[in-house]
Amino acid sequence: MLAIYSFLYTLTMIVLSPLFVVRRSKYASGFRQRLGNYPTFVHDQRKVIWLHCVSVGETNAARPLVDQMIKEFAGWRLIISTTTRTGHQLAGKIFEGKADAVFYFPFDWKFSVRRALRTFRPTMLLLMETEVWPRLIYEAKRSGARVAIVNGRLSERSLARYQMASNFIRRILDNVDAALMQSETDAERIKALGFEPKRVVVTGNLKFDISAEHFESELTDLFQRRFRQHGTRPVIVAASTHEPEERILLASLQDLLPYHAKLFIAPRHPDRFEAVWDLLNSSSYRVVRRSDPGSENDRSSDVILLDSIGELRSLFPIAEIVFVGGSLIPHGGQSILEPAAAGKAIVTGPYTHNFKEAITAFVREDALIQIPQAGDESEFIAGLHEQFSNLLDHEARRRQLGANALKVINDNSGSAVTTVKKLKELAGVE
């Protein structure tokens, strides 16, 4: 079965190979490392934990887990892999001094996986959010490492996809020692793939463990000094936006900018920075971008493009309202948990199925505002305008929403402690 998988994986890589050439900055980052060519890793007597985070979202979610592992796995070494360039950049920044190595995840071929395992010799392999890489899981288990899924999440769509190759997936999952899942729903889904129930544990969502101490205060101060004037317009942050959400947001704020608010836009994907910048430049607003050198125009600007990596969370403390993107289109939404941990009033669109349980909890506790489904963009524009206007006019309502959001976060925190406790049991650590 692995031979068939390797053939299909290779075929897929061949089909995708033009992307590695045409868009090499995005898809070919770390190419040599992904082939298993890693810098020398000097071993000592300490055991090694390999934590894999795919991109920026998983890397940020891993912060409390990493802190807890450093505390509880005394005398162990931690190494962290990512798949994307942006994830690699962020991991190198936030885990500096905590991880002994930050590197690119190997391609899932036998030779590249074995090279990675020979280089790092992990005692334990941890895969964030149900990253199922058959060759790596098989070879890691074969090498003697313990393998676990942490902060596991399995959407209905992913379940259906895996079930198309259920026999193969079941055999691969037999090599996973534990599945530490975010919710009962996720746990039931992975059991439906044939995962042995006694090896499945619900540990909660690590993203609920984010706290104010994880927000970079120095960068927050920089944003405050550079882009804000004391006592002036409230800040709205549009977080992790997708096309065409930027256009919808600008239209919804037409009579609120520039006099009643200031807008930061943070596109979800860096390859859209230039397109969003072009859109902003075609508007009537005074616009600037984060990546430009500071100037006197920054503080008087109406709209700021956050065209940087890993800095979004530092904006939340200065925001009054946070719109969370990916939710006005059938993408399924982005995480609401970081602005919630900052105690902010949150607005989303109706398409939030990627985070269904979290959204349900927040709506139940009056901890966010969700725009209803609309027939066209004009209805979204009207709905957003109504909510933004109301929130800008009523500070008490903003504060109540933010307080409720923070309470939901606090009531559901503790996943990092529970996860590490289970990992210690798995590793035989007292």
Protein backbone atom coordinates (compact mmCIF):
# COMPACT_ATOMS: atom_id res chain seq x y z
CA MET A 1 0.00 0.00 0.00
CA LEU A 2 2.84 2.42 0.81
CA ALA A 3 4.35 1.71 -2.60
CA ILE A 4 1.09 2.73 -4.29
CA TYR A 5 0.92 5.82 -2.09
CA SER A 6 4.50 6.77 -2.97
CA PHE A 7 3.76 6.38 -6.67
CA LEU A 8 0.66 8.60 -6.43
CA TYR A 9 2.52 11.12 -4.25
CA THR A 10 5.34 11.29 -6.80
CA LEU A 11 2.86 11.69 -9.65
CA THR A 12 1.18 14.55 -7.80
CA MET A 13 4.52 16.25 -7.22
CA ILE A 14 5.35 15.99 -10.92
CA VAL A 15 2.02 17.57 -11.84
CA LEU A 16 2.62 20.38 -9.34
CA SER A 17 6.27 20.90 -10.28
CA PRO A 18 5.61 23.97 -12.50
CA LEU A 19 4.47 25.78 -9.35
CA PHE A 20 7.88 25.19 -7.79
CA VAL A 21 9.41 27.02 -10.74
CA VAL A 22 6.87 29.78 -11.43
CA ARG A 23 6.16 30.59 -7.78
CA ARG A 24 9.34 29.39 -6.20
CA SER A 25 9.27 31.96 -3.39
CA LYS A 26 6.09 30.35 -2.04
CA TYR A 27 6.27 26.71 -3.04
CA ALA A 28 10.01 26.01 -3.26
CA SER A 29 11.15 27.53 0.02
CA GLY A 30 13.38 25.13 1.89
CA PHE A 31 13.46 22.79 -1.11
CA ARG A 32 16.86 21.29 -0.26
CA GLN A 33 15.82 20.67 3.33
CA ARG A 34 12.57 19.11 2.19
CA LEU A 35 14.64 16.61 0.23
CA GLY A 36 16.31 15.62 3.51
CA ASN A 37 19.44 17.80 3.27
CA TYR A 38 19.55 19.29 6.75
CA PRO A 39 22.35 21.08 8.60
CA THR A 40 24.31 18.94 11.04
CA PHE A 41 22.38 18.39 14.26
CA VAL A 42 24.80 17.63 17.09
CA HIS A 43 23.34 15.05 19.47
CA ASP A 44 24.01 14.64 23.16
CA GLN A 45 22.41 12.41 25.80
CA ARG A 46 19.08 14.26 25.70
CA LYS A 47 16.01 12.84 23.99
CA VAL A 48 14.38 14.77 21.14
CA ILE A 49 10.75 15.80 20.60
CA TRP A 50 9.88 16.69 17.00
CA LEU A 51 6.81 18.96 16.76
CA HIS A 52 5.39 19.58 13.28
CA CYS A 53 3.37 22.73 12.60
CA VAL A 54 2.16 23.28 9.05
CA SER A 55 1.93 27.04 8.75
CA VAL A 56 1.31 30.25 10.69
CA GLY A 57 -1.95 29.13 12.33
CA GLU A 58 -0.55 25.89 13.76
CA THR A 59 2.68 27.62 14.76
CA ASN A 60 0.81 30.23 16.75
CA ALA A 61 -1.40 27.56 18.32
CA ALA A 62 1.71 25.69 19.43
CA ARG A 63 2.99 28.54 21.62
CA PRO A 64 1.33 27.43 24.90
CA LEU A 65 2.14 23.78 24.13
CA VAL A 66 5.82 24.58 23.59
CA ASP A 67 5.99 26.56 26.83
CA GLN A 68 4.36 23.72 28.75
CA MET A 69 6.61 21.06 27.19
CA ILE A 70 9.75 23.01 28.05
CA LYS A 71 8.52 23.14 31.64
CA GLU A 72 7.48 19.49 31.94
CA PHE A 73 9.99 17.71 29.68
CA ALA A 74 13.08 18.87 31.53
CA GLY A 75 16.23 17.54 29.95
CA TRP A 76 14.60 16.92 26.54
CA ARG A 77 15.31 18.83 23.33
CA LEU A 78 12.60 20.31 21.12
CA ILE A 79 12.79 20.65 17.34
CA ILE A 80 10.08 22.22 15.19
CA SER A 81 9.25 21.75 11.52
CA THR A 82 6.92 23.71 9.26
CA THR A 83 5.78 23.27 5.68
CA THR A 84 5.35 26.87 4.53
CA ARG A 85 7.82 29.73 4.26
CA THR A 86 5.64 32.00 6.41
CA GLY A 87 5.32 29.31 9.07
CA HIS A 88 9.08 28.79 9.03
CA GLN A 89 9.75 32.50 9.44
CA LEU A 90 7.32 32.79 12.34
CA ALA A 91 8.58 29.64 14.09
CA GLY A 92 12.17 30.87 13.86
CA LYS A 93 11.10 34.13 15.48
CA ILE A 94 8.81 33.01 18.28
CA PHE A 95 10.66 29.81 19.25
CA GLU A 96 14.13 31.31 19.26
CA GLY A 97 15.87 30.11 22.41
CA LYS A 98 13.19 27.46 22.94
CA ALA A 99 13.70 25.08 20.01
CA ASP A 100 17.06 23.50 19.20
CA ALA A 101 16.21 23.50 15.50
CA VAL A 102 13.56 24.98 13.21
CA PHE A 103 13.49 23.36 9.78
CA TYR A 104 11.34 22.52 6.78
CA PHE A 105 9.21 19.39 6.86
CA PRO A 106 10.54 16.67 4.53
CA PHE A 107 8.72 15.58 1.41
CA ASP A 108 6.91 12.33 2.16
CA TRP A 109 9.27 10.06 0.21
CA LYS A 110 11.16 7.23 1.86
CA PHE A 111 14.62 8.69 1.21
CA SER A 112 13.82 12.23 2.42
CA VAL A 113 11.91 11.03 5.49
CA ARG A 114 14.67 8.62 6.46
CA ARG A 115 17.29 11.35 6.07
CA ALA A 116 15.29 13.58 8.42
CA LEU A 117 14.89 10.81 10.96
CA ARG A 118 18.60 9.94 10.80
CA THR A 119 19.51 13.61 11.27
CA PHE A 120 17.27 14.35 14.24
CA ARG A 121 16.64 10.89 15.76
CA PRO A 122 13.40 11.88 17.56
CA THR A 123 12.09 9.93 20.51
CA MET A 124 8.66 11.43 19.95
CA LEU A 125 6.95 12.84 16.84
CA LEU A 126 4.01 15.21 17.36
CA LEU A 127 1.77 16.19 14.45
CA MET A 128 -0.41 19.28 14.94
CA GLU A 129 -4.06 19.16 13.87
CA THR A 130 -4.19 15.73 12.24
CA GLU A 131 -1.46 16.05 9.65
CA VAL A 132 -1.48 12.51 8.25
CA TRP A 133 1.76 11.88 6.34
CA PRO A 134 1.82 8.11 5.74
CA ARG A 135 5.52 7.63 4.99
CA LEU A 136 6.71 9.78 7.87
CA ILE A 137 4.35 8.13 10.35
CA TYR A 138 5.36 4.65 9.22
CA GLU A 139 9.11 5.36 9.21
CA ALA A 140 9.03 7.22 12.54
CA LYS A 141 7.26 4.32 14.22
CA ARG A 142 9.67 1.88 12.55
CA SER A 143 12.60 3.88 13.98
CA GLY A 144 11.25 3.43 17.51
CA ALA A 145 9.70 6.89 18.00
CA ARG A 146 6.37 7.41 19.69
CA VAL A 147 3.91 9.16 17.37
CA ALA A 148 1.00 11.35 18.47
CA ILE A 149 -1.52 13.72 16.93
CA VAL A 150 -1.89 16.83 19.11
CA ASN A 151 -4.63 19.46 19.01
CA GLY A 152 -6.29 17.09 16.54
CA ARG A 153 -9.03 18.47 14.33
CA LEU A 154 -10.85 16.51 11.64
CA SER A 155 -13.44 18.33 9.54
CA GLU A 156 -16.37 16.58 7.92
CA ARG A 157 -14.78 17.21 4.53
CA SER A 158 -11.43 15.70 5.59
CA LEU A 159 -13.19 12.69 7.07
CA ALA A 160 -14.99 12.05 3.78
CA ARG A 161 -11.71 12.37 1.88
CA TYR A 162 -9.87 9.95 4.18
CA GLN A 163 -12.74 7.47 4.03
CA MET A 164 -12.19 7.16 0.28
CA ALA A 165 -8.99 5.28 1.22
CA SER A 166 -10.20 3.94 4.55
CA ASN A 167 -8.24 0.68 4.57
CA PHE A 168 -4.97 2.47 3.85
CA ILE A 169 -5.62 5.26 6.35
CA ARG A 170 -6.55 2.73 9.04
CA ARG A 171 -3.25 0.91 8.53
CA ILE A 172 -1.31 4.17 8.77
CA LEU A 173 -3.18 5.26 11.90
CA ASP A 174 -2.27 1.92 13.51
CA ASN A 175 1.24 3.45 13.76
CA VAL A 176 -0.04 6.44 15.75
CA ASP A 177 0.17 5.87 19.49
CA ALA A 178 -2.29 8.56 20.58
CA ALA A 179 -4.75 11.03 19.06
CA LEU A 180 -5.26 14.03 21.35
CA MET A 181 -8.28 15.71 19.80
CA GLN A 182 -9.84 19.15 20.23
CA SER A 183 -13.45 18.04 20.75
CA GLU A 184 -15.76 15.07 21.09
CA THR A 185 -16.83 15.57 17.47
CA ASP A 186 -13.20 15.37 16.29
CA ALA A 187 -12.68 12.30 18.47
CA GLU A 188 -15.69 10.52 16.98
CA ARG A 189 -14.54 11.31 13.47
CA ILE A 190 -11.08 9.86 13.92
CA LYS A 191 -12.61 6.77 15.52
CA ALA A 192 -14.76 6.46 12.41
CA LEU A 193 -11.52 6.04 10.46
CA GLY A 194 -10.76 2.94 12.51
CA PHE A 195 -8.58 4.55 15.17
CA GLU A 196 -8.65 2.48 18.34
CA PRO A 197 -10.94 4.29 20.82
CA LYS A 198 -8.72 3.71 23.86
CA ARG A 199 -5.96 5.70 22.16
CA VAL A 200 -8.21 8.73 21.56
CA VAL A 201 -8.38 11.48 24.19
CA VAL A 202 -10.20 14.82 24.09
CA THR A 203 -7.76 17.45 25.38
CA GLY A 204 -9.44 20.64 24.17
CA ASN A 205 -8.23 23.30 21.76
CA LEU A 206 -4.75 24.73 22.35
CA LYS A 207 -5.85 28.02 20.80
CA PHE A 208 -7.99 28.67 23.90
CA ASP A 209 -4.76 28.74 25.91
CA ILE A 210 -3.50 31.89 24.25
CA SER A 211 -3.15 34.70 26.78
CA ALA A 212 -2.22 38.36 26.84
CA GLU A 213 1.40 37.46 27.56
CA HIS A 214 1.64 35.92 24.08
CA PHE A 215 0.95 39.29 22.42
CA GLU A 216 4.16 41.14 21.60
CA SER A 217 3.90 44.37 23.62
CA GLU A 218 6.87 46.07 21.91
CA LEU A 219 5.29 45.64 18.49
CA THR A 220 1.93 46.77 19.84
CA ASP A 221 3.57 49.93 21.14
CA LEU A 222 5.18 50.48 17.75
CA PHE A 223 1.80 50.23 16.01
CA GLN A 224 0.32 52.63 18.55
CA ARG A 225 3.06 55.22 18.07
CA ARG A 226 3.31 54.92 14.29
CA PHE A 227 -0.30 54.68 13.19
CA ARG A 228 -2.48 56.22 15.91
CA GLN A 229 -3.06 59.68 17.29
CA HIS A 230 -3.94 59.85 20.95
CA GLY A 231 -7.68 59.98 21.60
CA THR A 232 -8.66 59.80 17.96
CA ARG A 233 -10.54 57.33 15.75
CA PRO A 234 -11.29 53.80 17.00
CA VAL A 235 -9.43 51.02 15.20
CA ILE A 236 -11.15 48.24 13.25
CA VAL A 237 -8.93 45.28 12.34
CA ALA A 238 -9.95 43.09 9.40
CA ALA A 239 -8.08 39.88 10.18
CA SER A 240 -7.16 37.09 7.75
CA THR A 241 -9.27 38.39 4.89
CA HIS A 242 -9.89 36.58 1.59
CA GLU A 243 -10.92 37.93 -1.79
CA PRO A 244 -13.43 39.70 -2.15
CA GLU A 245 -13.82 40.54 1.54
CA GLU A 246 -11.57 43.61 1.38
CA ARG A 247 -13.83 45.19 -1.25
CA ILE A 248 -16.96 44.37 0.79
CA LEU A 249 -15.43 45.81 3.95
CA LEU A 250 -14.41 49.06 2.27
CA ALA A 251 -17.94 49.47 0.92
CA SER A 252 -19.51 48.72 4.31
CA LEU A 253 -17.37 51.41 5.97
CA GLN A 254 -18.00 54.05 3.32
CA ASP A 255 -19.45 56.71 5.63
CA LEU A 256 -17.52 55.54 8.71
CA LEU A 257 -14.05 56.03 7.26
CA PRO A 258 -12.21 58.30 7.71
CA TYR A 259 -14.04 60.30 10.38
CA HIS A 260 -15.36 57.62 12.75
CA ALA A 261 -12.83 54.80 12.45
CA LYS A 262 -9.46 53.66 11.17
CA LEU A 263 -9.05 50.34 9.39
CA PHE A 264 -6.20 47.82 9.36
CA ILE A 265 -6.49 45.09 6.73
CA ALA A 266 -4.47 41.88 7.14
CA PRO A 267 -4.94 39.52 4.15
CA ARG A 268 -4.73 35.83 5.00
CA HIS A 269 -2.29 34.99 2.21
CA PRO A 270 0.90 36.98 1.56
CA ASP A 271 0.65 36.42 -2.19
CA ARG A 272 -2.42 38.71 -2.16
CA PHE A 273 -0.65 41.69 -0.57
CA GLU A 274 -0.05 43.47 -3.88
CA ALA A 275 -3.59 42.90 -5.17
CA VAL A 276 -5.07 44.29 -1.95
CA TRP A 277 -2.67 47.23 -2.09
CA ASP A 278 -3.86 48.00 -5.62
CA LEU A 279 -7.47 47.87 -4.41
CA LEU A 280 -6.72 50.28 -1.56
CA ASN A 281 -4.89 52.66 -3.86
CA SER A 282 -7.92 52.82 -6.12
CA SER A 283 -10.08 54.03 -3.20
CA SER A 284 -10.50 57.61 -2.02
CA TYR A 285 -8.91 56.89 1.35
CA ARG A 286 -5.45 57.82 2.61
CA VAL A 287 -3.67 54.47 2.59
CA VAL A 288 -0.27 53.27 3.79
CA ARG A 289 1.38 49.89 4.18
CA ARG A 290 3.18 48.42 7.15
CA SER A 291 6.23 47.38 5.11
CA ASP A 292 7.01 50.95 4.00
CA PRO A 293 9.38 53.11 6.04
CA GLY A 294 7.54 55.18 8.63
CA SER A 295 6.39 58.63 7.55
CA GLU A 296 4.23 61.52 8.68
CA ASN A 297 1.39 60.03 6.60
CA ASP A 298 1.07 57.00 8.89
CA ARG A 299 -0.82 58.68 11.71
CA SER A 300 -3.22 60.53 9.44
CA SER A 301 -3.95 57.46 7.29
CA ASP A 302 -7.43 55.95 7.02
CA VAL A 303 -6.52 52.40 5.96
CA ILE A 304 -3.32 50.48 6.72
CA LEU A 305 -2.34 47.31 4.88
CA LEU A 306 -0.65 44.87 7.25
CA ASP A 307 1.64 43.26 4.69
CA SER A 308 3.84 41.47 7.21
CA ILE A 309 4.07 37.99 8.69
CA GLY A 310 3.29 37.05 12.28
CA GLU A 311 2.33 40.56 13.43
CA LEU A 312 -1.45 40.43 13.34
CA ARG A 313 -1.86 39.42 16.97
CA SER A 314 0.09 42.50 18.03
CA LEU A 315 -2.65 44.68 16.53
CA PHE A 316 -5.47 43.24 18.60
CA PRO A 317 -4.67 45.15 21.82
CA ILE A 318 -5.19 48.51 20.06
CA ALA A 319 -8.37 47.43 18.22
CA GLU A 320 -11.93 48.24 19.23
CA ILE A 321 -13.53 45.85 16.72
CA VAL A 322 -12.10 42.81 14.92
CA PHE A 323 -13.66 41.38 11.80
CA VAL A 324 -12.46 37.80 11.23
CA GLY A 325 -12.21 36.93 7.56
CA GLY A 326 -12.76 33.87 5.44
CA SER A 327 -16.34 34.08 6.65
CA LEU A 328 -18.12 36.06 3.93
CA ILE A 329 -17.27 33.31 1.43
CA PRO A 330 -17.74 29.51 1.69
CA HIS A 331 -14.12 29.11 2.83
CA GLY A 332 -15.30 28.32 6.36
CA GLY A 333 -13.77 31.13 8.41
CA GLN A 334 -10.55 31.78 10.28
CA SER A 335 -9.97 31.43 14.01
CA ILE A 336 -11.68 33.92 16.31
CA LEU A 337 -9.70 32.88 19.38
CA GLU A 338 -6.81 35.35 19.30
CA PRO A 339 -8.98 38.50 19.18
CA ALA A 340 -11.17 36.87 21.82
CA ALA A 341 -8.15 36.37 24.07
CA ALA A 342 -7.43 40.08 23.64
CA GLY A 343 -10.98 40.81 24.85
CA LYS A 344 -12.21 42.45 21.66
CA ALA A 345 -15.63 42.82 20.05
CA ILE A 346 -15.66 40.30 17.18
CA VAL A 347 -17.69 40.31 13.97
CA THR A 348 -17.79 37.43 11.46
CA GLY A 349 -19.73 36.42 8.40
CA PRO A 350 -22.00 33.36 8.21
CA TYR A 351 -19.46 30.89 6.75
CA THR A 352 -17.67 29.63 9.84
CA HIS A 353 -18.00 25.84 9.55
CA ASN A 354 -14.24 25.32 10.03
CA PHE A 355 -14.72 26.42 13.64
CA LYS A 356 -18.32 25.34 14.18
CA GLU A 357 -18.06 24.35 17.85
CA ALA A 358 -16.13 27.46 18.88
CA ILE A 359 -18.53 29.76 17.00
CA THR A 360 -21.52 28.02 18.59
CA ALA A 361 -20.07 28.56 22.07
CA PHE A 362 -19.33 32.24 21.39
CA VAL A 363 -22.76 32.93 19.93
CA ARG A 364 -24.41 31.16 22.88
CA GLU A 365 -22.51 33.39 25.33
CA ASP A 366 -23.16 36.61 23.38
CA ALA A 367 -19.43 36.82 22.69
CA LEU A 368 -19.49 37.75 19.00
CA ILE A 369 -21.72 39.14 16.27
CA GLN A 370 -22.34 36.95 13.24
CA ILE A 371 -23.71 38.50 10.07
CA PRO A 372 -26.52 36.33 8.60
CA GLN A 373 -26.36 34.66 5.22
CA ALA A 374 -26.91 37.06 2.34
CA GLY A 375 -28.10 36.72 -1.20
CA ASP A 376 -25.44 39.01 -2.64
CA GLU A 377 -22.61 41.37 -1.69
CA SER A 378 -24.94 44.33 -1.20
CA GLU A 379 -26.70 42.53 1.66
CA PHE A 380 -23.35 41.74 3.30
CA ILE A 381 -22.35 45.39 2.91
CA ALA A 382 -25.58 46.57 4.54
CA GLY A 383 -25.33 44.03 7.37
CA LEU A 384 -21.72 44.89 8.15
CA HIS A 385 -22.43 48.62 7.99
CA GLU A 386 -25.23 48.26 10.52
CA GLN A 387 -23.10 46.29 12.95
CA PHE A 388 -20.01 48.48 12.61
CA SER A 389 -22.08 51.65 13.06
CA ASN A 390 -23.80 50.27 16.13
CA LEU A 391 -20.57 49.11 17.75
CA LEU A 392 -18.75 52.39 17.04
CA ASP A 393 -21.65 54.31 18.60
CA HIS A 394 -21.95 52.11 21.70
CA GLU A 395 -18.73 51.63 23.66
CA ALA A 396 -20.53 49.69 26.40
CA ARG A 397 -21.69 47.10 23.86
CA ARG A 398 -18.16 46.71 22.54
CA ARG A 399 -16.81 46.19 26.04
CA GLN A 400 -19.50 43.65 26.90
CA LEU A 401 -18.81 41.60 23.79
CA GLY A 402 -15.08 41.68 24.52
CA ALA A 403 -15.58 40.67 28.15
CA ASN A 404 -17.84 37.80 27.12
CA ALA A 405 -15.30 36.63 24.53
CA LEU A 406 -12.49 36.63 27.08
CA LYS A 407 -14.67 34.68 29.51
CA VAL A 408 -15.27 31.97 26.89
CA ILE A 409 -11.50 31.75 26.38
CA ASN A 410 -10.81 31.46 30.11
CA ASP A 411 -13.58 28.92 30.65
CA ASN A 412 -12.12 26.64 27.97
CA SER A 413 -8.40 27.01 28.64
CA GLY A 414 -6.13 24.28 30.02
CA SER A 415 -5.53 22.22 26.88
CA ALA A 416 -1.74 22.63 27.01
CA VAL A 417 -1.55 21.20 30.54
CA THR A 418 -3.85 18.26 29.66
CA THR A 419 -1.98 17.58 26.40
CA VAL A 420 1.45 17.53 28.01
CA LYS A 421 0.19 15.30 30.82
CA LYS A 422 -0.91 12.74 28.22
CA LEU A 423 2.36 13.09 26.33
CA LYS A 424 4.33 12.43 29.49
CA GLU A 425 2.31 9.25 30.02
CA LEU A 426 3.03 8.25 26.44
CA ALA A 427 6.74 8.87 26.85
CA GLY A 428 6.95 7.22 30.28
CA VAL A 429 8.08 10.47 31.95
CA GLU A 430 7.35 10.78 35.65
